[in-house]
């Protein structure tokens, strides 16, 4: 009888299915909170992103100067400065960051939706209808965010975070139940 890495991972999941369940429930709870106060979550996410960029800029600068004799020193320093400055800007004015990022999200959804619609129309393979549906939904989301901008900037990121937390939490809960059921079955 041979054991694979998958068997080891499955055994580990079987032993810890309760933690998966608890994590799933916590994520669903946090997602509901994010949906209830999506404006606060949007602002908090910009502040968090600002701190991440600030620290990333510092770390990148340290690394650039530690390896200054290597290739692309100037590009590494420029990247560090850019990360640091954008991080500071987000920390100083999170609402402006929300406006910009929401506008970028709208543009992304519109462009991605158009691209998927064109790709689905150009390539006729089984299942390309799903790509078409995905493209249409992405395009509609982009247009909705664009037409509601700048008001949507206050809540859209918090809404997306809340939805993501809930769907991730639900998948963790379902995984925990499946693993629990597998734990009672012989290997």
N, C-alpha and C. Protein backbone atom coordinates (compact mmCIF):
# COMPACT_ATOMS: atom_id res chain seq x y z
N UNK A 1 0.85 -1.17 0.00
CA UNK A 1 0.00 0.00 0.00
C UNK A 1 0.89 1.23 0.00
N UNK A 2 0.65 2.14 -0.94
CA UNK A 2 1.46 3.35 -1.02
C UNK A 2 0.65 4.55 -0.55
N UNK A 3 1.36 5.50 0.02
CA UNK A 3 0.74 6.72 0.49
C UNK A 3 1.25 7.88 -0.36
N UNK A 4 0.37 8.78 -0.69
CA UNK A 4 0.76 9.96 -1.45
C UNK A 4 0.63 11.19 -0.56
N UNK A 5 1.09 12.30 -1.07
CA UNK A 5 0.96 13.56 -0.35
C UNK A 5 -0.51 13.91 -0.16
N UNK A 6 -1.35 13.50 -1.13
CA UNK A 6 -2.79 13.75 -1.01
C UNK A 6 -3.36 13.01 0.18
N UNK A 7 -2.93 11.75 0.39
CA UNK A 7 -3.43 10.98 1.53
C UNK A 7 -3.06 11.64 2.84
N UNK A 8 -1.83 12.16 2.93
CA UNK A 8 -1.39 12.84 4.15
C UNK A 8 -2.22 14.10 4.38
N UNK A 9 -2.46 14.88 3.31
CA UNK A 9 -3.26 16.09 3.44
C UNK A 9 -4.70 15.78 3.82
N UNK A 10 -5.26 14.73 3.25
CA UNK A 10 -6.63 14.33 3.57
C UNK A 10 -6.73 13.89 5.02
N UNK A 11 -5.73 13.15 5.50
CA UNK A 11 -5.72 12.72 6.90
C UNK A 11 -5.68 13.94 7.82
N UNK A 12 -4.86 14.93 7.45
CA UNK A 12 -4.75 16.15 8.24
C UNK A 12 -6.08 16.90 8.26
N UNK A 13 -6.76 16.97 7.11
CA UNK A 13 -8.07 17.62 7.04
C UNK A 13 -9.10 16.87 7.89
N UNK A 14 -9.06 15.55 7.83
CA UNK A 14 -10.00 14.75 8.62
C UNK A 14 -9.85 15.04 10.11
N UNK A 15 -8.60 15.17 10.54
CA UNK A 15 -8.35 15.42 11.96
C UNK A 15 -8.82 16.80 12.38
N UNK A 16 -8.78 17.78 11.47
CA UNK A 16 -9.06 19.17 11.82
C UNK A 16 -10.33 19.72 11.19
N UNK A 17 -11.31 18.88 10.91
CA UNK A 17 -12.51 19.34 10.23
C UNK A 17 -13.26 20.38 11.08
N UNK A 18 -13.17 20.29 12.38
CA UNK A 18 -13.84 21.26 13.26
C UNK A 18 -13.28 22.67 13.09
N UNK A 19 -11.97 22.76 12.87
CA UNK A 19 -11.35 24.07 12.64
C UNK A 19 -11.82 24.65 11.31
N UNK A 20 -11.97 23.80 10.30
CA UNK A 20 -12.50 24.27 9.01
C UNK A 20 -13.91 24.82 9.19
N UNK A 21 -14.71 24.11 9.96
CA UNK A 21 -16.08 24.54 10.22
C UNK A 21 -16.09 25.88 10.95
N UNK A 22 -15.27 26.00 11.99
CA UNK A 22 -15.20 27.25 12.76
C UNK A 22 -14.72 28.40 11.87
N UNK A 23 -13.72 28.15 11.03
CA UNK A 23 -13.23 29.18 10.13
C UNK A 23 -14.34 29.61 9.16
N UNK A 24 -15.06 28.65 8.61
CA UNK A 24 -16.15 28.96 7.70
C UNK A 24 -17.23 29.81 8.35
N UNK A 25 -17.61 29.45 9.56
CA UNK A 25 -18.63 30.21 10.28
C UNK A 25 -18.14 31.62 10.58
N UNK A 26 -16.86 31.75 10.99
CA UNK A 26 -16.29 33.07 11.26
C UNK A 26 -16.27 33.92 9.99
N UNK A 27 -15.89 33.33 8.86
CA UNK A 27 -15.85 34.09 7.61
C UNK A 27 -17.26 34.54 7.19
N UNK A 28 -18.24 33.68 7.36
CA UNK A 28 -19.63 34.06 7.05
C UNK A 28 -20.06 35.22 7.95
N UNK A 29 -19.75 35.13 9.23
CA UNK A 29 -20.10 36.19 10.18
C UNK A 29 -19.44 37.51 9.79
N UNK A 30 -18.14 37.47 9.48
CA UNK A 30 -17.43 38.69 9.06
C UNK A 30 -18.00 39.23 7.74
N UNK A 31 -18.39 38.33 6.84
CA UNK A 31 -18.99 38.75 5.58
C UNK A 31 -20.31 39.48 5.79
N UNK A 32 -21.11 38.98 6.71
CA UNK A 32 -22.39 39.63 7.02
C UNK A 32 -22.13 41.02 7.61
N UNK A 33 -21.15 41.12 8.50
CA UNK A 33 -20.79 42.43 9.06
C UNK A 33 -20.35 43.37 7.94
N UNK A 34 -19.56 42.86 7.01
CA UNK A 34 -19.09 43.68 5.88
C UNK A 34 -20.26 44.14 5.03
N UNK A 35 -21.26 43.29 4.83
CA UNK A 35 -22.43 43.70 4.04
C UNK A 35 -23.27 44.74 4.78
N UNK A 36 -23.36 44.59 6.09
CA UNK A 36 -24.16 45.52 6.88
C UNK A 36 -23.52 46.92 6.88
N UNK A 37 -22.19 46.98 6.98
CA UNK A 37 -21.51 48.28 6.99
C UNK A 37 -20.42 48.30 5.93
N UNK A 38 -20.84 48.24 4.68
CA UNK A 38 -19.89 48.16 3.58
C UNK A 38 -19.06 49.43 3.42
N UNK A 39 -19.59 50.57 3.86
CA UNK A 39 -18.83 51.82 3.77
C UNK A 39 -17.62 51.76 4.69
N UNK A 40 -17.82 51.34 5.93
CA UNK A 40 -16.70 51.24 6.87
C UNK A 40 -15.68 50.21 6.39
N UNK A 41 -16.15 49.10 5.87
CA UNK A 41 -15.23 48.07 5.38
C UNK A 41 -14.45 48.59 4.17
N UNK A 42 -15.09 49.36 3.31
CA UNK A 42 -14.39 49.95 2.17
C UNK A 42 -13.26 50.86 2.63
N UNK A 43 -13.55 51.73 3.59
CA UNK A 43 -12.53 52.66 4.09
C UNK A 43 -11.42 51.89 4.82
N UNK A 44 -11.79 50.93 5.63
CA UNK A 44 -10.80 50.12 6.35
C UNK A 44 -9.91 49.37 5.37
N UNK A 45 -10.49 48.87 4.28
CA UNK A 45 -9.68 48.15 3.31
C UNK A 45 -8.66 49.07 2.64
N UNK A 46 -9.02 50.33 2.41
CA UNK A 46 -8.08 51.29 1.83
C UNK A 46 -6.96 51.61 2.82
N UNK A 47 -7.31 51.73 4.09
CA UNK A 47 -6.29 51.99 5.12
C UNK A 47 -5.34 50.80 5.22
N UNK A 48 -5.90 49.60 5.22
CA UNK A 48 -5.08 48.39 5.28
C UNK A 48 -4.17 48.31 4.06
N UNK A 49 -4.73 48.57 2.88
CA UNK A 49 -3.95 48.53 1.64
C UNK A 49 -2.85 49.60 1.69
N UNK A 50 -3.14 50.75 2.25
CA UNK A 50 -2.14 51.80 2.39
C UNK A 50 -0.97 51.35 3.25
N UNK A 51 -1.27 50.70 4.38
CA UNK A 51 -0.20 50.20 5.25
C UNK A 51 0.61 49.11 4.56
N UNK A 52 -0.07 48.23 3.83
CA UNK A 52 0.65 47.18 3.11
C UNK A 52 1.61 47.80 2.10
N UNK A 53 1.15 48.78 1.33
CA UNK A 53 2.01 49.44 0.35
C UNK A 53 3.16 50.19 1.02
N UNK A 54 2.89 50.83 2.15
CA UNK A 54 3.92 51.56 2.86
C UNK A 54 5.04 50.61 3.31
N UNK A 55 4.67 49.52 3.96
CA UNK A 55 5.68 48.54 4.40
C UNK A 55 6.37 47.87 3.22
N UNK A 56 5.61 47.60 2.18
CA UNK A 56 6.22 46.99 0.98
C UNK A 56 7.26 47.93 0.39
N UNK A 57 6.97 49.21 0.36
CA UNK A 57 7.92 50.19 -0.16
C UNK A 57 9.20 50.23 0.66
N UNK A 58 9.06 50.18 1.98
CA UNK A 58 10.23 50.18 2.86
C UNK A 58 11.07 48.91 2.62
N UNK A 59 10.41 47.77 2.57
CA UNK A 59 11.13 46.51 2.36
C UNK A 59 11.80 46.49 0.99
N UNK A 60 11.10 46.98 -0.02
CA UNK A 60 11.69 47.02 -1.36
C UNK A 60 12.89 47.95 -1.41
N UNK A 61 12.84 49.08 -0.70
CA UNK A 61 13.97 50.01 -0.67
C UNK A 61 15.18 49.37 0.01
N UNK A 62 14.93 48.70 1.12
CA UNK A 62 16.02 48.02 1.82
C UNK A 62 16.65 46.96 0.91
N UNK A 63 15.82 46.18 0.26
CA UNK A 63 16.33 45.15 -0.65
C UNK A 63 17.08 45.76 -1.83
N UNK A 64 16.58 46.85 -2.36
CA UNK A 64 17.24 47.49 -3.50
C UNK A 64 18.64 47.97 -3.11
N UNK A 65 18.77 48.56 -1.92
CA UNK A 65 20.07 49.05 -1.50
C UNK A 65 21.00 47.93 -1.03
N UNK A 66 20.44 46.85 -0.55
CA UNK A 66 21.28 45.70 -0.20
C UNK A 66 21.89 45.06 -1.44
N UNK A 67 21.16 45.13 -2.54
CA UNK A 67 21.62 44.52 -3.79
C UNK A 67 21.83 45.58 -4.87
N UNK A 68 22.40 46.72 -4.47
CA UNK A 68 22.53 47.84 -5.40
C UNK A 68 23.50 47.58 -6.54
N UNK A 69 24.35 46.60 -6.42
CA UNK A 69 25.28 46.31 -7.51
C UNK A 69 24.63 45.43 -8.59
N UNK A 70 23.44 44.93 -8.31
CA UNK A 70 22.76 44.06 -9.27
C UNK A 70 22.09 44.85 -10.38
N UNK A 71 21.46 44.12 -11.25
CA UNK A 71 20.76 44.73 -12.38
C UNK A 71 19.48 45.43 -11.92
N UNK A 72 19.09 46.43 -12.62
CA UNK A 72 17.80 47.11 -12.45
C UNK A 72 17.66 47.81 -11.09
N UNK A 73 18.76 48.30 -10.55
CA UNK A 73 18.72 49.00 -9.27
C UNK A 73 17.74 50.17 -9.31
N UNK A 74 17.82 50.97 -10.37
CA UNK A 74 16.96 52.14 -10.49
C UNK A 74 15.48 51.75 -10.51
N UNK A 75 15.15 50.68 -11.23
CA UNK A 75 13.75 50.24 -11.28
C UNK A 75 13.26 49.76 -9.91
N UNK A 76 14.12 49.08 -9.16
CA UNK A 76 13.74 48.63 -7.82
C UNK A 76 13.52 49.81 -6.88
N UNK A 77 14.38 50.81 -6.98
CA UNK A 77 14.21 52.01 -6.14
C UNK A 77 12.94 52.75 -6.54
N UNK A 78 12.71 52.88 -7.83
CA UNK A 78 11.51 53.56 -8.32
C UNK A 78 10.25 52.83 -7.84
N UNK A 79 10.25 51.52 -7.91
CA UNK A 79 9.12 50.72 -7.42
C UNK A 79 8.92 50.92 -5.92
N UNK A 80 10.01 50.97 -5.16
CA UNK A 80 9.93 51.18 -3.72
C UNK A 80 9.33 52.55 -3.41
N UNK A 81 9.79 53.57 -4.10
CA UNK A 81 9.29 54.92 -3.88
C UNK A 81 7.81 55.00 -4.26
N UNK A 82 7.46 54.40 -5.38
CA UNK A 82 6.06 54.40 -5.83
C UNK A 82 5.16 53.72 -4.80
N UNK A 83 5.56 52.56 -4.31
CA UNK A 83 4.77 51.84 -3.30
C UNK A 83 4.62 52.69 -2.04
N UNK A 84 5.72 53.29 -1.60
CA UNK A 84 5.70 54.10 -0.38
C UNK A 84 4.79 55.32 -0.54
N UNK A 85 4.92 56.02 -1.66
CA UNK A 85 4.13 57.23 -1.88
C UNK A 85 2.64 56.90 -2.01
N UNK A 86 2.30 55.87 -2.77
CA UNK A 86 0.89 55.49 -2.91
C UNK A 86 0.33 55.03 -1.56
N UNK A 87 1.12 54.30 -0.79
CA UNK A 87 0.70 53.90 0.55
C UNK A 87 0.41 55.10 1.43
N UNK A 88 1.30 56.09 1.41
CA UNK A 88 1.07 57.32 2.19
C UNK A 88 -0.18 58.05 1.72
N UNK A 89 -0.36 58.11 0.40
CA UNK A 89 -1.55 58.79 -0.14
C UNK A 89 -2.83 58.10 0.31
N UNK A 90 -2.83 56.77 0.31
CA UNK A 90 -4.02 56.05 0.76
C UNK A 90 -4.27 56.26 2.25
N UNK A 91 -3.21 56.33 3.02
CA UNK A 91 -3.38 56.57 4.47
C UNK A 91 -3.85 57.99 4.75
N UNK A 92 -3.38 58.95 3.98
CA UNK A 92 -3.77 60.34 4.20
C UNK A 92 -5.18 60.63 3.69
N UNK A 93 -5.59 59.99 2.61
CA UNK A 93 -6.90 60.26 2.04
C UNK A 93 -7.50 58.97 1.47
N UNK A 94 -8.05 58.18 2.35
CA UNK A 94 -8.61 56.88 1.95
C UNK A 94 -9.80 57.02 1.01
N UNK A 95 -10.58 58.09 1.17
CA UNK A 95 -11.75 58.27 0.31
C UNK A 95 -11.34 58.52 -1.14
N UNK A 96 -10.29 59.29 -1.35
CA UNK A 96 -9.80 59.50 -2.72
C UNK A 96 -9.32 58.18 -3.31
N UNK A 97 -8.67 57.36 -2.48
CA UNK A 97 -8.25 56.04 -2.93
C UNK A 97 -9.43 55.18 -3.34
N UNK A 98 -10.52 55.27 -2.57
CA UNK A 98 -11.73 54.53 -2.92
C UNK A 98 -12.27 54.97 -4.27
N UNK A 99 -12.26 56.27 -4.52
CA UNK A 99 -12.75 56.79 -5.80
C UNK A 99 -11.93 56.24 -6.97
N UNK A 100 -10.63 56.30 -6.84
CA UNK A 100 -9.75 55.86 -7.92
C UNK A 100 -9.87 54.35 -8.14
N UNK A 101 -9.82 53.58 -7.07
CA UNK A 101 -9.86 52.12 -7.22
C UNK A 101 -11.21 51.67 -7.74
N UNK A 102 -12.29 52.32 -7.33
CA UNK A 102 -13.61 51.97 -7.85
C UNK A 102 -13.71 52.26 -9.34
N UNK A 103 -13.16 53.38 -9.76
CA UNK A 103 -13.15 53.71 -11.19
C UNK A 103 -12.32 52.68 -11.98
N UNK A 104 -11.19 52.27 -11.42
CA UNK A 104 -10.38 51.24 -12.07
C UNK A 104 -11.13 49.90 -12.14
N UNK A 105 -11.87 49.58 -11.07
CA UNK A 105 -12.66 48.34 -11.08
C UNK A 105 -13.72 48.39 -12.17
N UNK A 106 -14.39 49.52 -12.31
CA UNK A 106 -15.42 49.65 -13.35
C UNK A 106 -14.79 49.47 -14.73
N UNK A 107 -13.66 50.13 -14.96
CA UNK A 107 -12.98 50.00 -16.25
C UNK A 107 -12.55 48.56 -16.50
N UNK A 108 -12.03 47.90 -15.46
CA UNK A 108 -11.61 46.51 -15.61
C UNK A 108 -12.79 45.62 -15.99
N UNK A 109 -13.91 45.74 -15.28
CA UNK A 109 -15.07 44.89 -15.58
C UNK A 109 -15.59 45.14 -16.98
N UNK A 110 -15.60 46.39 -17.42
CA UNK A 110 -16.08 46.70 -18.76
C UNK A 110 -15.16 46.09 -19.82
N UNK A 111 -13.87 46.32 -19.68
CA UNK A 111 -12.91 45.80 -20.66
C UNK A 111 -12.90 44.27 -20.64
N UNK A 112 -12.87 43.68 -19.45
CA UNK A 112 -12.87 42.21 -19.35
C UNK A 112 -14.16 41.63 -19.92
N UNK A 113 -15.28 42.28 -19.66
CA UNK A 113 -16.56 41.80 -20.19
C UNK A 113 -16.59 41.84 -21.71
N UNK A 114 -16.13 42.95 -22.28
CA UNK A 114 -16.09 43.05 -23.75
C UNK A 114 -15.15 41.99 -24.32
N UNK A 115 -13.98 41.82 -23.71
CA UNK A 115 -13.03 40.83 -24.19
C UNK A 115 -13.64 39.42 -24.16
N UNK A 116 -14.32 39.08 -23.08
CA UNK A 116 -14.91 37.74 -22.96
C UNK A 116 -16.04 37.54 -23.97
N UNK A 117 -16.83 38.58 -24.20
CA UNK A 117 -17.91 38.49 -25.19
C UNK A 117 -17.32 38.27 -26.58
N UNK A 118 -16.30 39.03 -26.92
CA UNK A 118 -15.65 38.88 -28.24
C UNK A 118 -15.02 37.49 -28.35
N UNK A 119 -14.33 37.05 -27.30
CA UNK A 119 -13.68 35.74 -27.34
C UNK A 119 -14.71 34.62 -27.48
N UNK A 120 -15.82 34.72 -26.77
CA UNK A 120 -16.85 33.70 -26.85
C UNK A 120 -17.50 33.69 -28.23
N UNK A 121 -17.62 34.85 -28.85
CA UNK A 121 -18.21 34.94 -30.19
C UNK A 121 -17.26 34.44 -31.26
N UNK A 122 -15.96 34.65 -31.05
CA UNK A 122 -14.96 34.28 -32.06
C UNK A 122 -14.61 32.80 -32.01
N UNK A 123 -14.65 32.22 -30.84
CA UNK A 123 -14.25 30.82 -30.68
C UNK A 123 -15.49 30.01 -30.31
N UNK A 124 -15.91 29.19 -31.23
CA UNK A 124 -17.10 28.36 -31.00
C UNK A 124 -16.66 26.96 -30.57
N UNK A 125 -16.59 26.76 -29.26
CA UNK A 125 -16.27 25.44 -28.71
C UNK A 125 -17.34 25.11 -27.69
N UNK A 126 -17.48 23.84 -27.37
CA UNK A 126 -18.46 23.48 -26.34
C UNK A 126 -18.14 24.21 -25.03
N UNK A 127 -19.13 24.80 -24.46
CA UNK A 127 -18.95 25.53 -23.21
C UNK A 127 -18.65 27.00 -23.38
N UNK A 128 -18.50 27.46 -24.63
CA UNK A 128 -18.18 28.88 -24.82
C UNK A 128 -19.36 29.78 -24.46
N UNK A 129 -20.53 29.19 -24.35
CA UNK A 129 -21.69 29.96 -23.91
C UNK A 129 -21.50 30.50 -22.49
N UNK A 130 -20.80 29.72 -21.65
CA UNK A 130 -20.53 30.19 -20.30
C UNK A 130 -19.60 31.39 -20.31
N UNK A 131 -18.64 31.41 -21.22
CA UNK A 131 -17.75 32.55 -21.37
C UNK A 131 -18.55 33.78 -21.80
N UNK A 132 -19.52 33.57 -22.68
CA UNK A 132 -20.38 34.67 -23.13
C UNK A 132 -21.19 35.22 -21.96
N UNK A 133 -21.78 34.33 -21.16
CA UNK A 133 -22.56 34.76 -19.99
C UNK A 133 -21.66 35.51 -19.01
N UNK A 134 -20.47 34.97 -18.77
CA UNK A 134 -19.51 35.63 -17.88
C UNK A 134 -19.17 37.02 -18.40
N UNK A 135 -18.96 37.14 -19.70
CA UNK A 135 -18.65 38.43 -20.29
C UNK A 135 -19.78 39.42 -20.15
N UNK A 136 -21.00 38.97 -20.39
CA UNK A 136 -22.16 39.84 -20.27
C UNK A 136 -22.34 40.32 -18.83
N UNK A 137 -22.19 39.40 -17.87
CA UNK A 137 -22.32 39.78 -16.45
C UNK A 137 -21.22 40.76 -16.06
N UNK A 138 -19.98 40.49 -16.49
CA UNK A 138 -18.87 41.40 -16.18
C UNK A 138 -19.12 42.78 -16.77
N UNK A 139 -19.59 42.83 -18.00
CA UNK A 139 -19.88 44.10 -18.65
C UNK A 139 -20.98 44.85 -17.90
N UNK A 140 -22.04 44.16 -17.54
CA UNK A 140 -23.14 44.79 -16.79
C UNK A 140 -22.65 45.31 -15.45
N UNK A 141 -21.84 44.51 -14.72
CA UNK A 141 -21.29 44.98 -13.44
C UNK A 141 -20.45 46.24 -13.64
N UNK A 142 -19.60 46.23 -14.66
CA UNK A 142 -18.77 47.40 -14.92
C UNK A 142 -19.59 48.63 -15.22
N UNK A 143 -20.61 48.48 -16.05
CA UNK A 143 -21.47 49.62 -16.40
C UNK A 143 -22.23 50.11 -15.16
N UNK A 144 -22.71 49.17 -14.34
CA UNK A 144 -23.43 49.56 -13.12
C UNK A 144 -22.52 50.34 -12.17
N UNK A 145 -21.30 49.85 -11.98
CA UNK A 145 -20.38 50.56 -11.10
C UNK A 145 -20.03 51.92 -11.70
N UNK A 146 -19.80 51.96 -13.01
CA UNK A 146 -19.43 53.21 -13.69
C UNK A 146 -20.55 54.25 -13.57
N UNK A 147 -21.79 53.82 -13.80
CA UNK A 147 -22.89 54.77 -13.76
C UNK A 147 -23.20 55.25 -12.35
N UNK A 148 -22.84 54.46 -11.36
CA UNK A 148 -23.09 54.85 -9.97
C UNK A 148 -21.89 55.53 -9.33
N UNK A 149 -20.81 55.69 -10.10
CA UNK A 149 -19.61 56.34 -9.59
C UNK A 149 -19.86 57.83 -9.50
N UNK A 150 -19.49 58.56 -8.51
CA UNK A 150 -18.59 58.23 -7.41
C UNK A 150 -19.27 57.69 -6.16
N UNK A 151 -20.61 57.71 -6.12
CA UNK A 151 -21.32 57.23 -4.93
C UNK A 151 -20.99 55.77 -4.64
N UNK A 152 -20.88 54.95 -5.69
CA UNK A 152 -20.58 53.53 -5.52
C UNK A 152 -19.24 53.31 -4.85
N UNK A 153 -18.33 54.28 -4.97
CA UNK A 153 -17.00 54.13 -4.37
C UNK A 153 -17.08 53.94 -2.87
N UNK A 154 -18.12 54.47 -2.25
CA UNK A 154 -18.24 54.36 -0.80
C UNK A 154 -18.55 52.95 -0.33
N UNK A 155 -19.27 52.19 -1.13
CA UNK A 155 -19.76 50.91 -0.63
C UNK A 155 -19.37 49.70 -1.48
N UNK A 156 -18.96 49.88 -2.72
CA UNK A 156 -18.80 48.73 -3.61
C UNK A 156 -17.68 47.79 -3.17
N UNK A 157 -16.56 48.32 -2.72
CA UNK A 157 -15.45 47.47 -2.30
C UNK A 157 -15.83 46.69 -1.05
N UNK A 158 -16.49 47.34 -0.10
CA UNK A 158 -16.97 46.64 1.09
C UNK A 158 -17.98 45.57 0.74
N UNK A 159 -18.86 45.86 -0.22
CA UNK A 159 -19.83 44.87 -0.68
C UNK A 159 -19.12 43.65 -1.28
N UNK A 160 -18.14 43.90 -2.16
CA UNK A 160 -17.42 42.79 -2.78
C UNK A 160 -16.65 41.99 -1.74
N UNK A 161 -16.06 42.66 -0.75
CA UNK A 161 -15.35 41.94 0.32
C UNK A 161 -16.33 41.09 1.11
N UNK A 162 -17.49 41.64 1.43
CA UNK A 162 -18.50 40.89 2.17
C UNK A 162 -18.99 39.67 1.41
N UNK A 163 -19.27 39.83 0.13
CA UNK A 163 -19.72 38.71 -0.69
C UNK A 163 -18.64 37.63 -0.75
N UNK A 164 -17.38 38.07 -0.94
CA UNK A 164 -16.28 37.11 -1.00
C UNK A 164 -16.11 36.37 0.32
N UNK A 165 -16.21 37.06 1.44
CA UNK A 165 -16.09 36.41 2.74
C UNK A 165 -17.21 35.38 2.94
N UNK A 166 -18.42 35.73 2.55
CA UNK A 166 -19.54 34.80 2.72
C UNK A 166 -19.38 33.57 1.83
N UNK A 167 -19.02 33.77 0.56
CA UNK A 167 -18.88 32.61 -0.32
C UNK A 167 -17.70 31.73 0.09
N UNK A 168 -16.60 32.35 0.53
CA UNK A 168 -15.47 31.57 1.01
C UNK A 168 -15.85 30.82 2.29
N UNK A 169 -16.56 31.49 3.18
CA UNK A 169 -17.01 30.84 4.41
C UNK A 169 -17.92 29.66 4.13
N UNK A 170 -18.86 29.83 3.19
CA UNK A 170 -19.76 28.73 2.84
C UNK A 170 -18.98 27.55 2.27
N UNK A 171 -17.99 27.82 1.44
CA UNK A 171 -17.20 26.72 0.88
C UNK A 171 -16.41 26.01 1.97
N UNK A 172 -15.92 26.76 2.97
CA UNK A 172 -15.20 26.14 4.08
C UNK A 172 -16.12 25.27 4.92
N UNK A 173 -17.33 25.75 5.17
CA UNK A 173 -18.31 24.97 5.93
C UNK A 173 -18.65 23.68 5.19
N UNK A 174 -18.90 23.78 3.88
CA UNK A 174 -19.21 22.58 3.09
C UNK A 174 -18.03 21.62 3.07
N UNK A 175 -16.82 22.14 2.93
CA UNK A 175 -15.63 21.30 2.96
C UNK A 175 -15.50 20.59 4.30
N UNK A 176 -15.78 21.31 5.39
CA UNK A 176 -15.70 20.70 6.72
C UNK A 176 -16.68 19.55 6.85
N UNK A 177 -17.90 19.71 6.34
CA UNK A 177 -18.89 18.63 6.42
C UNK A 177 -18.49 17.43 5.57
N UNK A 178 -17.93 17.70 4.39
CA UNK A 178 -17.47 16.61 3.53
C UNK A 178 -16.33 15.87 4.21
N UNK A 179 -15.37 16.60 4.75
CA UNK A 179 -14.22 15.97 5.42
C UNK A 179 -14.68 15.21 6.65
N UNK A 180 -15.64 15.75 7.38
CA UNK A 180 -16.17 15.05 8.54
C UNK A 180 -16.80 13.73 8.15
N UNK A 181 -17.55 13.76 7.03
CA UNK A 181 -18.17 12.53 6.55
C UNK A 181 -17.10 11.53 6.10
N UNK A 182 -16.06 12.02 5.47
CA UNK A 182 -14.95 11.15 5.06
C UNK A 182 -14.23 10.56 6.26
N UNK A 183 -14.24 11.30 7.39
CA UNK A 183 -13.55 10.83 8.58
C UNK A 183 -14.21 9.58 9.14
N UNK A 184 -15.52 9.41 8.89
CA UNK A 184 -16.22 8.23 9.40
C UNK A 184 -16.13 7.05 8.45
N UNK A 185 -15.74 7.33 7.19
CA UNK A 185 -15.59 6.27 6.22
C UNK A 185 -14.17 5.71 6.28
N UNK A 186 -14.01 4.41 5.99
CA UNK A 186 -12.66 3.85 5.99
C UNK A 186 -11.84 4.39 4.81
N UNK A 187 -10.54 4.51 5.04
CA UNK A 187 -9.65 5.04 4.02
C UNK A 187 -9.39 4.03 2.95
